[in-house]
Amino acid sequence: DSRDKDEVSGFTARAQAAGEAKNLTQMHEAAERLHDWTARRLGERR
């Protein structure tokens, strides 16, 4: 459904941001956003 498609694009965007980071600080911040996003999604489905 559309929620699954939104989840995939949300994950992909955050993962790409971590991969495209220009320095360690940007990578760390992007990874934290990805981790937080994933934790929220897992929490919603419990």
PDB file of N, CA and C in Angstrom:
ATOM      1  N   ASP A   1       0.834  -1.190   0.000  1.00  0.00           N
ATOM      2  CA  ASP A   1       0.000   0.000   0.000  1.00  0.00           C
ATOM      3  C   ASP A   1       0.876   1.250   0.000  1.00  0.00           C
ATOM      4  N   SER A   2       0.251   2.405   0.031  1.00  0.00           N
ATOM      5  CA  SER A   2       1.015   3.652  -0.079  1.00  0.00           C
ATOM      6  C   SER A   2       1.909   3.878   1.135  1.00  0.00           C
ATOM      7  N   ARG A   3       1.501   3.388   2.291  1.00  0.00           N
ATOM      8  CA  ARG A   3       2.344   3.554   3.487  1.00  0.00           C
ATOM      9  C   ARG A   3       3.667   2.809   3.303  1.00  0.00           C
ATOM     10  N   ASP A   4       3.619   1.610   2.750  1.00  0.00           N
ATOM     11  CA  ASP A   4       4.852   0.860   2.506  1.00  0.00           C
ATOM     12  C   ASP A   4       5.756   1.598   1.526  1.00  0.00           C
ATOM     13  N   LYS A   5       5.171   2.165   0.485  1.00  0.00           N
ATOM     14  CA  LYS A   5       5.964   2.909  -0.502  1.00  0.00           C
ATOM     15  C   LYS A   5       6.607   4.135   0.153  1.00  0.00           C
ATOM     16  N   ASP A   6       5.848   4.826   1.006  1.00  0.00           N
ATOM     17  CA  ASP A   6       6.404   5.977   1.714  1.00  0.00           C
ATOM     18  C   ASP A   6       7.543   5.552   2.632  1.00  0.00           C
ATOM     19  N   GLU A   7       7.405   4.401   3.280  1.00  0.00           N
ATOM     20  CA  GLU A   7       8.454   3.920   4.174  1.00  0.00           C
ATOM     21  C   GLU A   7       9.731   3.611   3.401  1.00  0.00           C
ATOM     22  N   VAL A   8       9.589   2.995   2.248  1.00  0.00           N
ATOM     23  CA  VAL A   8      10.768   2.667   1.440  1.00  0.00           C
ATOM     24  C   VAL A   8      11.470   3.939   0.993  1.00  0.00           C
ATOM     25  N   SER A   9      10.724   4.909   0.509  1.00  0.00           N
ATOM     26  CA  SER A   9      11.360   6.147   0.050  1.00  0.00           C
ATOM     27  C   SER A   9      11.957   6.921   1.219  1.00  0.00           C
ATOM     28  N   GLY A  10      11.319   6.871   2.387  1.00  0.00           N
ATOM     29  CA  GLY A  10      11.873   7.538   3.566  1.00  0.00           C
ATOM     30  C   GLY A  10      13.183   6.920   4.002  1.00  0.00           C
ATOM     31  N   PHE A  11      13.236   5.599   4.018  1.00  0.00           N
ATOM     32  CA  PHE A  11      14.469   4.901   4.379  1.00  0.00           C
ATOM     33  C   PHE A  11      15.555   5.195   3.356  1.00  0.00           C
ATOM     34  N   THR A  12      15.204   5.100   2.085  1.00  0.00           N
ATOM     35  CA  THR A  12      16.181   5.308   1.013  1.00  0.00           C
ATOM     36  C   THR A  12      16.781   6.708   1.081  1.00  0.00           C
ATOM     37  N   ALA A  13      15.951   7.712   1.284  1.00  0.00           N
ATOM     38  CA  ALA A  13      16.443   9.091   1.351  1.00  0.00           C
ATOM     39  C   ALA A  13      17.420   9.267   2.500  1.00  0.00           C
ATOM     40  N   ARG A  14      17.103   8.690   3.649  1.00  0.00           N
ATOM     41  CA  ARG A  14      17.986   8.832   4.803  1.00  0.00           C
ATOM     42  C   ARG A  14      19.281   8.040   4.620  1.00  0.00           C
ATOM     43  N   ALA A  15      19.194   6.868   4.027  1.00  0.00           N
ATOM     44  CA  ALA A  15      20.396   6.070   3.771  1.00  0.00           C
ATOM     45  C   ALA A  15      21.294   6.768   2.749  1.00  0.00           C
ATOM     46  N   GLN A  16      20.702   7.363   1.724  1.00  0.00           N
ATOM     47  CA  GLN A  16      21.490   8.082   0.719  1.00  0.00           C
ATOM     48  C   GLN A  16      22.182   9.289   1.336  1.00  0.00           C
ATOM     49  N   ALA A  17      21.497   9.981   2.234  1.00  0.00           N
ATOM     50  CA  ALA A  17      22.101  11.142   2.884  1.00  0.00           C
ATOM     51  C   ALA A  17      23.346  10.732   3.663  1.00  0.00           C
ATOM     52  N   ALA A  18      23.288   9.591   4.328  1.00  0.00           N
ATOM     53  CA  ALA A  18      24.464   9.108   5.059  1.00  0.00           C
ATOM     54  C   ALA A  18      25.594   8.780   4.083  1.00  0.00           C
ATOM     55  N   GLY A  19      25.256   8.187   2.960  1.00  0.00           N
ATOM     56  CA  GLY A  19      26.267   7.825   1.973  1.00  0.00           C
ATOM     57  C   GLY A  19      26.871   9.010   1.254  1.00  0.00           C
ATOM     58  N   GLU A  20      26.129  10.101   1.158  1.00  0.00           N
ATOM     59  CA  GLU A  20      26.595  11.281   0.434  1.00  0.00           C
ATOM     60  C   GLU A  20      27.227  12.333   1.341  1.00  0.00           C
ATOM     61  N   ALA A  21      27.341  12.025   2.614  1.00  0.00           N
ATOM     62  CA  ALA A  21      27.904  12.979   3.568  1.00  0.00           C
ATOM     63  C   ALA A  21      29.315  13.381   3.152  1.00  0.00           C
ATOM     64  N   LYS A  22      29.629  14.640   3.351  1.00  0.00           N
ATOM     65  CA  LYS A  22      30.929  15.176   2.949  1.00  0.00           C
ATOM     66  C   LYS A  22      31.987  15.036   4.045  1.00  0.00           C
ATOM     67  N   ASN A  23      31.549  14.802   5.272  1.00  0.00           N
ATOM     68  CA  ASN A  23      32.511  14.647   6.363  1.00  0.00           C
ATOM     69  C   ASN A  23      31.898  13.763   7.448  1.00  0.00           C
ATOM     70  N   LEU A  24      32.688  13.464   8.442  1.00  0.00           N
ATOM     71  CA  LEU A  24      32.255  12.549   9.492  1.00  0.00           C
ATOM     72  C   LEU A  24      31.060  13.094  10.270  1.00  0.00           C
ATOM     73  N   THR A  25      31.023  14.390  10.511  1.00  0.00           N
ATOM     74  CA  THR A  25      29.911  14.982  11.249  1.00  0.00           C
ATOM     75  C   THR A  25      28.607  14.825  10.481  1.00  0.00           C
ATOM     76  N   GLN A  26      28.619  15.125   9.193  1.00  0.00           N
ATOM     77  CA  GLN A  26      27.416  14.961   8.377  1.00  0.00           C
ATOM     78  C   GLN A  26      26.982  13.504   8.336  1.00  0.00           C
ATOM     79  N   MET A  27      27.943  12.598   8.227  1.00  0.00           N
ATOM     80  CA  MET A  27      27.617  11.179   8.179  1.00  0.00           C
ATOM     81  C   MET A  27      26.970  10.744   9.495  1.00  0.00           C
ATOM     82  N   HIS A  28      27.532  11.198  10.598  1.00  0.00           N
ATOM     83  CA  HIS A  28      27.000  10.841  11.910  1.00  0.00           C
ATOM     84  C   HIS A  28      25.574  11.367  12.081  1.00  0.00           C
ATOM     85  N   GLU A  29      25.342  12.614  11.702  1.00  0.00           N
ATOM     86  CA  GLU A  29      24.005  13.201  11.826  1.00  0.00           C
ATOM     87  C   GLU A  29      23.001  12.463  10.950  1.00  0.00           C
ATOM     88  N   ALA A  30      23.388  12.130   9.728  1.00  0.00           N
ATOM     89  CA  ALA A  30      22.494  11.401   8.830  1.00  0.00           C
ATOM     90  C   ALA A  30      22.218   9.999   9.364  1.00  0.00           C
ATOM     91  N   ALA A  31      23.232   9.360   9.904  1.00  0.00           N
ATOM     92  CA  ALA A  31      23.042   8.020  10.472  1.00  0.00           C
ATOM     93  C   ALA A  31      22.115   8.067  11.678  1.00  0.00           C
ATOM     94  N   GLU A  32      22.227   9.100  12.497  1.00  0.00           N
ATOM     95  CA  GLU A  32      21.315   9.245  13.637  1.00  0.00           C
ATOM     96  C   GLU A  32      19.879   9.439  13.166  1.00  0.00           C
ATOM     97  N   ARG A  33      19.684  10.233  12.114  1.00  0.00           N
ATOM     98  CA  ARG A  33      18.326  10.432  11.582  1.00  0.00           C
ATOM     99  C   ARG A  33      17.765   9.118  11.052  1.00  0.00           C
ATOM    100  N   LEU A  34      18.607   8.331  10.384  1.00  0.00           N
ATOM    101  CA  LEU A  34      18.176   7.033   9.876  1.00  0.00           C
ATOM    102  C   LEU A  34      17.828   6.104  11.035  1.00  0.00           C
ATOM    103  N   HIS A  35      18.655   6.088  12.054  1.00  0.00           N
ATOM    104  CA  HIS A  35      18.403   5.241  13.221  1.00  0.00           C
ATOM    105  C   HIS A  35      17.096   5.647  13.911  1.00  0.00           C
ATOM    106  N   ASP A  36      16.897   6.935  14.120  1.00  0.00           N
ATOM    107  CA  ASP A  36      15.670   7.420  14.760  1.00  0.00           C
ATOM    108  C   ASP A  36      14.443   7.078  13.930  1.00  0.00           C
ATOM    109  N   TRP A  37      14.544   7.260  12.622  1.00  0.00           N
ATOM    110  CA  TRP A  37      13.422   6.957  11.726  1.00  0.00           C
ATOM    111  C   TRP A  37      13.071   5.477  11.805  1.00  0.00           C
ATOM    112  N   THR A  38      14.091   4.621  11.772  1.00  0.00           N
ATOM    113  CA  THR A  38      13.869   3.171  11.835  1.00  0.00           C
ATOM    114  C   THR A  38      13.246   2.782  13.170  1.00  0.00           C
ATOM    115  N   ALA A  39      13.732   3.340  14.249  1.00  0.00           N
ATOM    116  CA  ALA A  39      13.194   3.027  15.578  1.00  0.00           C
ATOM    117  C   ALA A  39      11.722   3.414  15.673  1.00  0.00           C
ATOM    118  N   ARG A  40      11.366   4.563  15.118  1.00  0.00           N
ATOM    119  CA  ARG A  40       9.949   4.971  15.134  1.00  0.00           C
ATOM    120  C   ARG A  40       9.096   3.978  14.359  1.00  0.00           C
ATOM    121  N   ARG A  41       9.576   3.542  13.203  1.00  0.00           N
ATOM    122  CA  ARG A  41       8.796   2.602  12.386  1.00  0.00           C
ATOM    123  C   ARG A  41       8.634   1.266  13.096  1.00  0.00           C
ATOM    124  N   LEU A  42       9.684   0.778  13.710  1.00  0.00           N
ATOM    125  CA  LEU A  42       9.602  -0.497  14.425  1.00  0.00           C
ATOM    126  C   LEU A  42       8.677  -0.381  15.628  1.00  0.00           C
ATOM    127  N   GLY A  43       8.704   0.765  16.284  1.00  0.00           N
ATOM    128  CA  GLY A  43       7.836   0.985  17.437  1.00  0.00           C
ATOM    129  C   GLY A  43       6.370   1.021  17.057  1.00  0.00           C
ATOM    130  N   GLU A  44       6.061   1.550  15.882  1.00  0.00           N
ATOM    131  CA  GLU A  44       4.668   1.631  15.434  1.00  0.00           C
ATOM    132  C   GLU A  44       4.086   0.258  15.152  1.00  0.00           C
ATOM    133  N   ARG A  45       4.907  -0.696  14.813  1.00  0.00           N
ATOM    134  CA  ARG A  45       4.413  -1.997  14.373  1.00  0.00           C
ATOM    135  C   ARG A  45       4.383  -3.032  15.483  1.00  0.00           C
ATOM    136  N   ARG A  46       4.804  -2.687  16.672  1.00  0.00           N
ATOM    137  CA  ARG A  46       4.808  -3.653  17.776  1.00  0.00           C
ATOM    138  C   ARG A  46       3.438  -3.801  18.358  1.00  0.00           C
TER     139      ARG A  46
END
